[in-house]
Amino acid sequence: MAKQSDSVIMLLVILVLGALIGTVIGEVIATMAPGGTLEKIFSKGISPGLSPPATLDLKVLSISFGFTVKINFSSLLGIGLALLLYRKL
């Protein structure tokens, strides 16, 4: 049973790393081609999430909940490559 949960955790880690690496590569490409088509393709995306963060104020304790995910073409490519890598493992 632990083997399957380890596999799910490994998949999530690989997907997050793939998205991070893809985003960094996309930002580098966008920086190298400012104002061009490559910048539009690799740097523009959507950012779903909670903005501004939701706050729960209990007078004794204040907790803020929030997240934002930036999804662009390069991060999707990174996730796709991470999935291919995971399948090869």
PDB file of N, CA and C in Angstrom:
ATOM      1  N   MET A   1       0.817  -1.194   0.000  1.00  0.00           N
ATOM      2  CA  MET A   1       0.000   0.000   0.000  1.00  0.00           C
ATOM      3  C   MET A   1       0.858   1.255   0.000  1.00  0.00           C
ATOM      4  N   ALA A   2       1.949   1.238   0.721  1.00  0.00           N
ATOM      5  CA  ALA A   2       2.827   2.404   0.783  1.00  0.00           C
ATOM      6  C   ALA A   2       3.483   2.666  -0.563  1.00  0.00           C
ATOM      7  N   LYS A   3       3.672   1.640  -1.358  1.00  0.00           N
ATOM      8  CA  LYS A   3       4.309   1.806  -2.669  1.00  0.00           C
ATOM      9  C   LYS A   3       3.457   2.694  -3.576  1.00  0.00           C
ATOM     10  N   GLN A   4       2.133   2.529  -3.529  1.00  0.00           N
ATOM     11  CA  GLN A   4       1.262   3.329  -4.376  1.00  0.00           C
ATOM     12  C   GLN A   4       1.250   4.796  -3.933  1.00  0.00           C
ATOM     13  N   SER A   5       1.233   5.076  -2.637  1.00  0.00           N
ATOM     14  CA  SER A   5       1.249   6.459  -2.168  1.00  0.00           C
ATOM     15  C   SER A   5       2.595   7.115  -2.472  1.00  0.00           C
ATOM     16  N   ASP A   6       3.680   6.343  -2.398  1.00  0.00           N
ATOM     17  CA  ASP A   6       4.993   6.872  -2.783  1.00  0.00           C
ATOM     18  C   ASP A   6       4.994   7.239  -4.260  1.00  0.00           C
ATOM     19  N   SER A   7       4.323   6.433  -5.073  1.00  0.00           N
ATOM     20  CA  SER A   7       4.262   6.686  -6.500  1.00  0.00           C
ATOM     21  C   SER A   7       3.471   7.963  -6.803  1.00  0.00           C
ATOM     22  N   VAL A   8       2.398   8.188  -6.085  1.00  0.00           N
ATOM     23  CA  VAL A   8       1.587   9.391  -6.283  1.00  0.00           C
ATOM     24  C   VAL A   8       2.374  10.626  -5.848  1.00  0.00           C
ATOM     25  N   ILE A   9       3.067  10.540  -4.744  1.00  0.00           N
ATOM     26  CA  ILE A   9       3.877  11.660  -4.266  1.00  0.00           C
ATOM     27  C   ILE A   9       4.992  11.959  -5.265  1.00  0.00           C
ATOM     28  N   MET A  10       5.635  10.915  -5.786  1.00  0.00           N
ATOM     29  CA  MET A  10       6.692  11.107  -6.780  1.00  0.00           C
ATOM     30  C   MET A  10       6.136  11.759  -8.045  1.00  0.00           C
ATOM     31  N   LEU A  11       4.949  11.358  -8.479  1.00  0.00           N
ATOM     32  CA  LEU A  11       4.319  11.957  -9.651  1.00  0.00           C
ATOM     33  C   LEU A  11       4.053  13.437  -9.423  1.00  0.00           C
ATOM     34  N   LEU A  12       3.520  13.799  -8.272  1.00  0.00           N
ATOM     35  CA  LEU A  12       3.248  15.205  -7.973  1.00  0.00           C
ATOM     36  C   LEU A  12       4.526  16.035  -7.925  1.00  0.00           C
ATOM     37  N   VAL A  13       5.570  15.489  -7.323  1.00  0.00           N
ATOM     38  CA  VAL A  13       6.846  16.202  -7.257  1.00  0.00           C
ATOM     39  C   VAL A  13       7.409  16.415  -8.655  1.00  0.00           C
ATOM     40  N   ILE A  14       7.365  15.386  -9.482  1.00  0.00           N
ATOM     41  CA  ILE A  14       7.886  15.504 -10.844  1.00  0.00           C
ATOM     42  C   ILE A  14       7.067  16.504 -11.652  1.00  0.00           C
ATOM     43  N   LEU A  15       5.743  16.523 -11.494  1.00  0.00           N
ATOM     44  CA  LEU A  15       4.907  17.469 -12.224  1.00  0.00           C
ATOM     45  C   LEU A  15       5.177  18.907 -11.795  1.00  0.00           C
ATOM     46  N   VAL A  16       5.313  19.132 -10.506  1.00  0.00           N
ATOM     47  CA  VAL A  16       5.604  20.490 -10.016  1.00  0.00           C
ATOM     48  C   VAL A  16       6.975  20.947 -10.499  1.00  0.00           C
ATOM     49  N   LEU A  17       7.970  20.072 -10.427  1.00  0.00           N
ATOM     50  CA  LEU A  17       9.299  20.428 -10.923  1.00  0.00           C
ATOM     51  C   LEU A  17       9.281  20.695 -12.424  1.00  0.00           C
ATOM     52  N   GLY A  18       8.518  19.905 -13.170  1.00  0.00           N
ATOM     53  CA  GLY A  18       8.399  20.128 -14.604  1.00  0.00           C
ATOM     54  C   GLY A  18       7.775  21.473 -14.910  1.00  0.00           C
ATOM     55  N   ALA A  19       6.735  21.838 -14.162  1.00  0.00           N
ATOM     56  CA  ALA A  19       6.095  23.140 -14.363  1.00  0.00           C
ATOM     57  C   ALA A  19       7.056  24.276 -14.008  1.00  0.00           C
ATOM     58  N   LEU A  20       7.791  24.128 -12.915  1.00  0.00           N
ATOM     59  CA  LEU A  20       8.752  25.165 -12.513  1.00  0.00           C
ATOM     60  C   LEU A  20       9.869  25.341 -13.536  1.00  0.00           C
ATOM     61  N   ILE A  21      10.431  24.240 -13.973  1.00  0.00           N
ATOM     62  CA  ILE A  21      11.514  24.317 -14.951  1.00  0.00           C
ATOM     63  C   ILE A  21      10.999  24.872 -16.275  1.00  0.00           C
ATOM     64  N   GLY A  22       9.808  24.452 -16.700  1.00  0.00           N
ATOM     65  CA  GLY A  22       9.229  24.979 -17.925  1.00  0.00           C
ATOM     66  C   GLY A  22       8.975  26.472 -17.840  1.00  0.00           C
ATOM     67  N   THR A  23       8.485  26.937 -16.705  1.00  0.00           N
ATOM     68  CA  THR A  23       8.237  28.364 -16.522  1.00  0.00           C
ATOM     69  C   THR A  23       9.532  29.167 -16.554  1.00  0.00           C
ATOM     70  N   VAL A  24      10.569  28.656 -15.898  1.00  0.00           N
ATOM     71  CA  VAL A  24      11.859  29.360 -15.895  1.00  0.00           C
ATOM     72  C   VAL A  24      12.419  29.429 -17.317  1.00  0.00           C
ATOM     73  N   ILE A  25      12.354  28.342 -18.057  1.00  0.00           N
ATOM     74  CA  ILE A  25      12.842  28.343 -19.441  1.00  0.00           C
ATOM     75  C   ILE A  25      12.021  29.311 -20.292  1.00  0.00           C
ATOM     76  N   GLY A  26      10.713  29.350 -20.081  1.00  0.00           N
ATOM     77  CA  GLY A  26       9.864  30.284 -20.815  1.00  0.00           C
ATOM     78  C   GLY A  26      10.196  31.734 -20.511  1.00  0.00           C
ATOM     79  N   GLU A  27      10.479  32.022 -19.252  1.00  0.00           N
ATOM     80  CA  GLU A  27      10.863  33.393 -18.884  1.00  0.00           C
ATOM     81  C   GLU A  27      12.203  33.783 -19.498  1.00  0.00           C
ATOM     82  N   VAL A  28      13.133  32.843 -19.558  1.00  0.00           N
ATOM     83  CA  VAL A  28      14.430  33.117 -20.180  1.00  0.00           C
ATOM     84  C   VAL A  28      14.252  33.385 -21.674  1.00  0.00           C
ATOM     85  N   ILE A  29      13.442  32.571 -22.344  1.00  0.00           N
ATOM     86  CA  ILE A  29      13.179  32.784 -23.767  1.00  0.00           C
ATOM     87  C   ILE A  29      12.498  34.124 -23.984  1.00  0.00           C
ATOM     88  N   ALA A  30      11.529  34.472 -23.136  1.00  0.00           N
ATOM     89  CA  ALA A  30      10.828  35.755 -23.267  1.00  0.00           C
ATOM     90  C   ALA A  30      11.771  36.930 -23.046  1.00  0.00           C
ATOM     91  N   THR A  31      12.745  36.783 -22.158  1.00  0.00           N
ATOM     92  CA  THR A  31      13.718  37.846 -21.903  1.00  0.00           C
ATOM     93  C   THR A  31      14.672  38.013 -23.087  1.00  0.00           C
ATOM     94  N   MET A  32      15.002  36.919 -23.736  1.00  0.00           N
ATOM     95  CA  MET A  32      15.924  36.975 -24.866  1.00  0.00           C
ATOM     96  C   MET A  32      15.267  37.548 -26.127  1.00  0.00           C
ATOM     97  N   ALA A  33      13.942  37.501 -26.206  1.00  0.00           N
ATOM     98  CA  ALA A  33      13.224  38.014 -27.377  1.00  0.00           C
ATOM     99  C   ALA A  33      12.167  39.018 -26.931  1.00  0.00           C
ATOM    100  N   PRO A  34      12.577  40.183 -26.393  1.00  0.00           N
ATOM    101  CA  PRO A  34      11.596  41.139 -25.886  1.00  0.00           C
ATOM    102  C   PRO A  34      10.758  41.749 -27.006  1.00  0.00           C
ATOM    103  N   GLY A  35       9.454  41.833 -26.761  1.00  0.00           N
ATOM    104  CA  GLY A  35       8.553  42.475 -27.703  1.00  0.00           C
ATOM    105  C   GLY A  35       8.208  41.634 -28.918  1.00  0.00           C
ATOM    106  N   GLY A  36       8.711  40.426 -28.997  1.00  0.00           N
ATOM    107  CA  GLY A  36       8.468  39.598 -30.164  1.00  0.00           C
ATOM    108  C   GLY A  36       7.380  38.567 -29.936  1.00  0.00           C
ATOM    109  N   THR A  37       7.190  37.760 -30.958  1.00  0.00           N
ATOM    110  CA  THR A  37       6.186  36.704 -30.903  1.00  0.00           C
ATOM    111  C   THR A  37       6.545  35.656 -29.856  1.00  0.00           C
ATOM    112  N   LEU A  38       7.830  35.340 -29.748  1.00  0.00           N
ATOM    113  CA  LEU A  38       8.242  34.349 -28.739  1.00  0.00           C
ATOM    114  C   LEU A  38       7.896  34.807 -27.329  1.00  0.00           C
ATOM    115  N   GLU A  39       8.042  36.090 -27.056  1.00  0.00           N
ATOM    116  CA  GLU A  39       7.683  36.593 -25.720  1.00  0.00           C
ATOM    117  C   GLU A  39       6.198  36.400 -25.466  1.00  0.00           C
ATOM    118  N   LYS A  40       5.380  36.689 -26.460  1.00  0.00           N
ATOM    119  CA  LYS A  40       3.932  36.531 -26.292  1.00  0.00           C
ATOM    120  C   LYS A  40       3.557  35.075 -26.060  1.00  0.00           C
ATOM    121  N   ILE A  41       4.208  34.171 -26.782  1.00  0.00           N
ATOM    122  CA  ILE A  41       3.876  32.749 -26.666  1.00  0.00           C
ATOM    123  C   ILE A  41       4.306  32.184 -25.315  1.00  0.00           C
ATOM    124  N   PHE A  42       5.525  32.508 -24.883  1.00  0.00           N
ATOM    125  CA  PHE A  42       6.078  31.864 -23.698  1.00  0.00           C
ATOM    126  C   PHE A  42       5.793  32.581 -22.383  1.00  0.00           C
ATOM    127  N   SER A  43       5.490  33.866 -22.394  1.00  0.00           N
ATOM    128  CA  SER A  43       5.320  34.559 -21.119  1.00  0.00           C
ATOM    129  C   SER A  43       3.863  34.857 -20.776  1.00  0.00           C
ATOM    130  N   LYS A  44       2.991  34.925 -21.753  1.00  0.00           N
ATOM    131  CA  LYS A  44       1.586  35.212 -21.468  1.00  0.00           C
ATOM    132  C   LYS A  44       0.887  33.931 -21.024  1.00  0.00           C
ATOM    133  N   GLY A  45       0.008  34.071 -20.075  1.00  0.00           N
ATOM    134  CA  GLY A  45      -0.717  32.914 -19.587  1.00  0.00           C
ATOM    135  C   GLY A  45      -1.872  33.344 -18.704  1.00  0.00           C
ATOM    136  N   ILE A  46      -2.435  32.388 -18.010  1.00  0.00           N
ATOM    137  CA  ILE A  46      -3.519  32.675 -17.083  1.00  0.00           C
ATOM    138  C   ILE A  46      -3.025  32.430 -15.662  1.00  0.00           C
ATOM    139  N   SER A  47      -3.645  33.124 -14.715  1.00  0.00           N
ATOM    140  CA  SER A  47      -3.265  32.982 -13.304  1.00  0.00           C
ATOM    141  C   SER A  47      -4.509  32.775 -12.443  1.00  0.00           C
ATOM    142  N   PRO A  48      -5.046  31.550 -12.432  1.00  0.00           N
ATOM    143  CA  PRO A  48      -6.192  31.299 -11.566  1.00  0.00           C
ATOM    144  C   PRO A  48      -5.761  31.230 -10.105  1.00  0.00           C
ATOM    145  N   GLY A  49      -6.647  31.612  -9.216  1.00  0.00           N
ATOM    146  CA  GLY A  49      -6.342  31.546  -7.793  1.00  0.00           C
ATOM    147  C   GLY A  49      -7.172  32.522  -7.000  1.00  0.00           C
ATOM    148  N   LEU A  50      -6.850  32.680  -5.742  1.00  0.00           N
ATOM    149  CA  LEU A  50      -7.523  33.624  -4.857  1.00  0.00           C
ATOM    150  C   LEU A  50      -6.725  34.915  -4.805  1.00  0.00           C
ATOM    151  N   SER A  51      -7.302  35.977  -5.318  1.00  0.00           N
ATOM    152  CA  SER A  51      -6.614  37.262  -5.283  1.00  0.00           C
ATOM    153  C   SER A  51      -7.638  38.346  -5.015  1.00  0.00           C
ATOM    154  N   PRO A  52      -7.614  39.021  -3.932  1.00  0.00           N
ATOM    155  CA  PRO A  52      -6.702  38.941  -2.793  1.00  0.00           C
ATOM    156  C   PRO A  52      -7.017  37.722  -1.927  1.00  0.00           C
ATOM    157  N   PRO A  53      -6.092  37.331  -1.090  1.00  0.00           N
ATOM    158  CA  PRO A  53      -6.310  36.158  -0.236  1.00  0.00           C
ATOM    159  C   PRO A  53      -7.488  36.357   0.718  1.00  0.00           C
ATOM    160  N   ALA A  54      -8.183  35.262   0.984  1.00  0.00           N
ATOM    161  CA  ALA A  54      -9.289  35.290   1.944  1.00  0.00           C
ATOM    162  C   ALA A  54      -8.714  35.267   3.356  1.00  0.00           C
ATOM    163  N   THR A  55      -9.285  36.078   4.240  1.00  0.00           N
ATOM    164  CA  THR A  55      -8.783  36.169   5.612  1.00  0.00           C
ATOM    165  C   THR A  55      -9.882  35.774   6.589  1.00  0.00           C
ATOM    166  N   LEU A  56      -9.526  34.919   7.524  1.00  0.00           N
ATOM    167  CA  LEU A  56     -10.412  34.514   8.609  1.00  0.00           C
ATOM    168  C   LEU A  56      -9.877  35.150   9.884  1.00  0.00           C
ATOM    169  N   ASP A  57     -10.630  36.120  10.434  1.00  0.00           N
ATOM    170  CA  ASP A  57     -10.197  36.842  11.629  1.00  0.00           C
ATOM    171  C   ASP A  57     -11.017  36.368  12.818  1.00  0.00           C
ATOM    172  N   LEU A  58     -10.382  35.687  13.758  1.00  0.00           N
ATOM    173  CA  LEU A  58     -11.042  35.160  14.951  1.00  0.00           C
ATOM    174  C   LEU A  58     -10.739  36.002  16.186  1.00  0.00           C
ATOM    175  N   LYS A  59     -10.255  37.218  15.988  1.00  0.00           N
ATOM    176  CA  LYS A  59      -9.879  38.176  17.036  1.00  0.00           C
ATOM    177  C   LYS A  59      -8.669  37.734  17.845  1.00  0.00           C
ATOM    178  N   VAL A  60      -8.507  36.451  18.062  1.00  0.00           N
ATOM    179  CA  VAL A  60      -7.327  35.949  18.749  1.00  0.00           C
ATOM    180  C   VAL A  60      -6.295  35.482  17.726  1.00  0.00           C
ATOM    181  N   LEU A  61      -6.803  35.010  16.610  1.00  0.00           N
ATOM    182  CA  LEU A  61      -5.966  34.432  15.569  1.00  0.00           C
ATOM    183  C   LEU A  61      -6.497  34.874  14.213  1.00  0.00           C
ATOM    184  N   SER A  62      -5.625  35.290  13.349  1.00  0.00           N
ATOM    185  CA  SER A  62      -6.004  35.687  11.996  1.00  0.00           C
ATOM    186  C   SER A  62      -5.283  34.778  11.005  1.00  0.00           C
ATOM    187  N   ILE A  63      -6.052  34.156  10.124  1.00  0.00           N
ATOM    188  CA  ILE A  63      -5.491  33.215   9.157  1.00  0.00           C
ATOM    189  C   ILE A  63      -5.850  33.692   7.756  1.00  0.00           C
ATOM    190  N   SER A  64      -4.860  33.689   6.871  1.00  0.00           N
ATOM    191  CA  SER A  64      -5.096  34.057   5.476  1.00  0.00           C
ATOM    192  C   SER A  64      -4.934  32.832   4.587  1.00  0.00           C
ATOM    193  N   PHE A  65      -5.862  32.661   3.653  1.00  0.00           N
ATOM    194  CA  PHE A  65      -5.833  31.564   2.700  1.00  0.00           C
ATOM    195  C   PHE A  65      -5.688  32.156   1.301  1.00  0.00           C
ATOM    196  N   GLY A  66      -4.729  31.686   0.551  1.00  0.00           N
ATOM    197  CA  GLY A  66      -4.581  32.185  -0.801  1.00  0.00           C
ATOM    198  C   GLY A  66      -3.599  31.364  -1.608  1.00  0.00           C
ATOM    199  N   PHE A  67      -3.819  31.347  -2.894  1.00  0.00           N
ATOM    200  CA  PHE A  67      -2.899  30.703  -3.816  1.00  0.00           C
ATOM    201  C   PHE A  67      -3.121  31.277  -5.206  1.00  0.00           C
ATOM    202  N   THR A  68      -2.094  31.239  -6.009  1.00  0.00           N
ATOM    203  CA  THR A  68      -2.171  31.638  -7.404  1.00  0.00           C
ATOM    204  C   THR A  68      -1.280  30.703  -8.209  1.00  0.00           C
ATOM    205  N   VAL A  69      -1.778  30.252  -9.340  1.00  0.00           N
ATOM    206  CA  VAL A  69      -1.031  29.376 -10.216  1.00  0.00           C
ATOM    207  C   VAL A  69      -0.894  30.080 -11.558  1.00  0.00           C
ATOM    208  N   LYS A  70       0.330  30.208 -12.044  1.00  0.00           N
ATOM    209  CA  LYS A  70       0.552  30.812 -13.358  1.00  0.00           C
ATOM    210  C   LYS A  70       0.755  29.692 -14.369  1.00  0.00           C
ATOM    211  N   ILE A  71      -0.164  29.608 -15.311  1.00  0.00           N
ATOM    212  CA  ILE A  71      -0.099  28.566 -16.327  1.00  0.00           C
ATOM    213  C   ILE A  71       0.154  29.233 -17.672  1.00  0.00           C
ATOM    214  N   ASN A  72       1.245  28.840 -18.323  1.00  0.00           N
ATOM    215  CA  ASN A  72       1.529  29.333 -19.660  1.00  0.00           C
ATOM    216  C   ASN A  72       2.008  28.172 -20.521  1.00  0.00           C
ATOM    217  N   PHE A  73       2.310  28.475 -21.767  1.00  0.00           N
ATOM    218  CA  PHE A  73       2.692  27.445 -22.721  1.00  0.00           C
ATOM    219  C   PHE A  73       3.935  26.676 -22.269  1.00  0.00           C
ATOM    220  N   SER A  74       4.920  27.389 -21.764  1.00  0.00           N
ATOM    221  CA  SER A  74       6.160  26.723 -21.362  1.00  0.00           C
ATOM    222  C   SER A  74       5.958  25.831 -20.138  1.00  0.00           C
ATOM    223  N   SER A  75       5.096  26.238 -19.217  1.00  0.00           N
ATOM    224  CA  SER A  75       4.840  25.378 -18.061  1.00  0.00           C
ATOM    225  C   SER A  75       4.084  24.116 -18.484  1.00  0.00           C
ATOM    226  N   LEU A  76       3.184  24.242 -19.465  1.00  0.00           N
ATOM    227  CA  LEU A  76       2.499  23.056 -19.982  1.00  0.00           C
ATOM    228  C   LEU A  76       3.472  22.115 -20.684  1.00  0.00           C
ATOM    229  N   LEU A  77       4.433  22.677 -21.416  1.00  0.00           N
ATOM    230  CA  LEU A  77       5.467  21.844 -22.038  1.00  0.00           C
ATOM    231  C   LEU A  77       6.303  21.135 -20.969  1.00  0.00           C
ATOM    232  N   GLY A  78       6.639  21.844 -19.900  1.00  0.00           N
ATOM    233  CA  GLY A  78       7.395  21.239 -18.804  1.00  0.00           C
ATOM    234  C   GLY A  78       6.630  20.113 -18.130  1.00  0.00           C
ATOM    235  N   ILE A  79       5.326  20.305 -17.943  1.00  0.00           N
ATOM    236  CA  ILE A  79       4.496  19.254 -17.347  1.00  0.00           C
ATOM    237  C   ILE A  79       4.430  18.044 -18.279  1.00  0.00           C
ATOM    238  N   GLY A  80       4.279  18.293 -19.573  1.00  0.00           N
ATOM    239  CA  GLY A  80       4.244  17.195 -20.536  1.00  0.00           C
ATOM    240  C   GLY A  80       5.543  16.398 -20.545  1.00  0.00           C
ATOM    241  N   LEU A  81       6.672  17.092 -20.525  1.00  0.00           N
ATOM    242  CA  LEU A  81       7.962  16.397 -20.476  1.00  0.00           C
ATOM    243  C   LEU A  81       8.145  15.647 -19.161  1.00  0.00           C
ATOM    244  N   ALA A  82       7.635  16.212 -18.074  1.00  0.00           N
ATOM    245  CA  ALA A  82       7.724  15.529 -16.779  1.00  0.00           C
ATOM    246  C   ALA A  82       6.887  14.250 -16.788  1.00  0.00           C
ATOM    247  N   LEU A  83       5.731  14.286 -17.425  1.00  0.00           N
ATOM    248  CA  LEU A  83       4.916  13.071 -17.535  1.00  0.00           C
ATOM    249  C   LEU A  83       5.626  11.994 -18.349  1.00  0.00           C
ATOM    250  N   LEU A  84       6.267  12.414 -19.443  1.00  0.00           N
ATOM    251  CA  LEU A  84       7.043  11.435 -20.227  1.00  0.00           C
ATOM    252  C   LEU A  84       8.171  10.840 -19.399  1.00  0.00           C
ATOM    253  N   LEU A  85       8.866  11.671 -18.633  1.00  0.00           N
ATOM    254  CA  LEU A  85       9.931  11.196 -17.765  1.00  0.00           C
ATOM    255  C   LEU A  85       9.389  10.227 -16.716  1.00  0.00           C
ATOM    256  N   TYR A  86       8.244  10.540 -16.137  1.00  0.00           N
ATOM    257  CA  TYR A  86       7.652   9.680 -15.109  1.00  0.00           C
ATOM    258  C   TYR A  86       7.289   8.309 -15.699  1.00  0.00           C
ATOM    259  N   ARG A  87       6.774   8.306 -16.909  1.00  0.00           N
ATOM    260  CA  ARG A  87       6.407   7.033 -17.532  1.00  0.00           C
ATOM    261  C   ARG A  87       7.632   6.175 -17.838  1.00  0.00           C
ATOM    262  N   LYS A  88       8.762   6.822 -18.101  1.00  0.00           N
ATOM    263  CA  LYS A  88      10.002   6.074 -18.371  1.00  0.00           C
ATOM    264  C   LYS A  88      10.582   5.473 -17.102  1.00  0.00           C
ATOM    265  N   LEU A  89      10.272   6.060 -15.940  1.00  0.00           N
ATOM    266  CA  LEU A  89      10.800   5.533 -14.680  1.00  0.00           C
ATOM    267  C   LEU A  89      10.128   4.262 -14.369  1.00  0.00           C
TER     268      LEU A  89
END
